[in-house]
């Protein structure tokens, strides 16, 4: 699935082999929200400039996917959106 934000930047969402969603695009100007648990920073939202804002607890049907966001994994070239499919 392709998403174009209000600044014309394009983001790509694709299912991966784990059943989660790989989110690829330009994250240069991005806000992040964190929780600190057991001395680890856990991402609870990602908000690239111009959108889309995605947070833990969000229903991914807006982007054509089933499930609710339960977390994020930072891969060097993209973010993996971990979803609960139930």
Protein backbone atom coordinates (compact mmCIF):
# COMPACT_ATOMS: atom_id res chain seq x y z
CA UNK A 1 0.00 0.00 0.00
CA UNK A 2 1.28 3.47 -0.85
CA UNK A 3 0.51 6.58 1.22
CA UNK A 4 1.30 10.12 0.07
CA UNK A 5 1.37 12.68 2.90
CA UNK A 6 0.44 16.37 2.78
CA UNK A 7 4.00 17.33 1.75
CA UNK A 8 4.02 14.87 -1.13
CA UNK A 9 6.33 12.34 0.51
CA UNK A 10 5.44 8.73 -0.23
CA UNK A 11 5.46 5.92 2.34
CA UNK A 12 5.06 2.22 1.59
CA UNK A 13 3.33 -0.33 3.83
CA UNK A 14 3.78 -4.03 3.11
CA UNK A 15 3.09 -7.24 5.03
CA UNK A 16 6.27 -9.04 6.04
CA UNK A 17 6.98 -12.73 6.71
CA UNK A 18 6.19 -12.29 10.43
CA UNK A 19 2.67 -11.02 9.68
CA UNK A 20 3.57 -7.48 10.67
CA UNK A 21 3.85 -4.38 8.47
CA UNK A 22 7.08 -2.94 7.06
CA UNK A 23 6.84 0.86 6.83
CA UNK A 24 9.33 2.42 4.41
CA UNK A 25 9.91 6.01 3.41
CA UNK A 26 11.71 9.21 4.43
CA UNK A 27 11.95 9.48 8.23
CA UNK A 28 14.45 12.35 8.28
CA UNK A 29 12.11 14.83 10.00
CA UNK A 30 10.15 12.64 12.38
CA UNK A 31 8.84 12.94 15.95
CA UNK A 32 8.91 9.87 18.16
CA UNK A 33 7.22 9.13 21.47
CA UNK A 34 8.91 6.80 23.93
CA UNK A 35 8.12 4.90 27.09
CA UNK A 36 11.04 3.88 29.26
CA UNK A 37 10.63 0.32 30.51
CA UNK A 38 13.41 -1.72 32.16
CA UNK A 39 16.04 0.81 31.01
CA UNK A 40 14.91 0.40 27.38
CA UNK A 41 13.20 3.05 25.32
CA UNK A 42 10.08 1.63 23.71
CA UNK A 43 8.64 3.56 20.73
CA UNK A 44 4.94 4.31 21.26
CA UNK A 45 4.37 6.61 18.27
CA UNK A 46 6.02 7.67 15.03
CA UNK A 47 5.03 10.93 13.32
CA UNK A 48 6.92 11.88 10.14
CA UNK A 49 6.58 15.53 9.14
CA UNK A 50 3.43 15.68 7.02
CA UNK A 51 2.15 12.36 8.37
CA UNK A 52 1.06 9.71 8.78
CA UNK A 53 0.96 9.65 12.59
CA UNK A 54 0.86 6.05 13.83
CA UNK A 55 0.65 5.08 17.51
CA UNK A 56 0.36 2.00 19.68
CA UNK A 57 -3.33 1.07 19.95
CA UNK A 58 -4.21 2.43 16.50
CA UNK A 59 -6.43 0.38 14.19
CA UNK A 60 -4.55 -0.15 10.93
CA UNK A 61 -7.73 -0.47 8.83
CA UNK A 62 -7.21 3.16 7.77
CA UNK A 63 -4.24 1.86 5.77
CA UNK A 64 -5.99 -1.27 4.49
CA UNK A 65 -4.57 -3.70 7.06
CA UNK A 66 -6.26 -5.74 9.76
CA UNK A 67 -5.07 -5.43 13.34
CA UNK A 68 -4.06 -3.01 16.04
CA UNK A 69 -0.58 -1.57 16.54
CA UNK A 70 1.19 -3.09 19.56
CA UNK A 71 4.70 -1.74 18.93
CA UNK A 72 7.46 -0.77 16.54
CA UNK A 73 10.83 -2.25 15.63
CA UNK A 74 13.52 0.08 14.28
CA UNK A 75 15.35 -1.48 11.36
CA UNK A 76 18.05 0.76 9.94
CA UNK A 77 16.22 1.32 6.65
CA UNK A 78 12.58 1.11 7.82
CA UNK A 79 10.23 0.57 10.75
CA UNK A 80 8.31 -2.61 11.39
CA UNK A 81 4.82 -2.02 12.76
CA UNK A 82 3.98 -4.90 15.09
CA UNK A 83 0.27 -5.66 14.99
CA UNK A 84 -2.15 -7.78 16.98
CA UNK A 85 -4.35 -9.47 14.43
CA UNK A 86 -7.10 -10.53 16.86
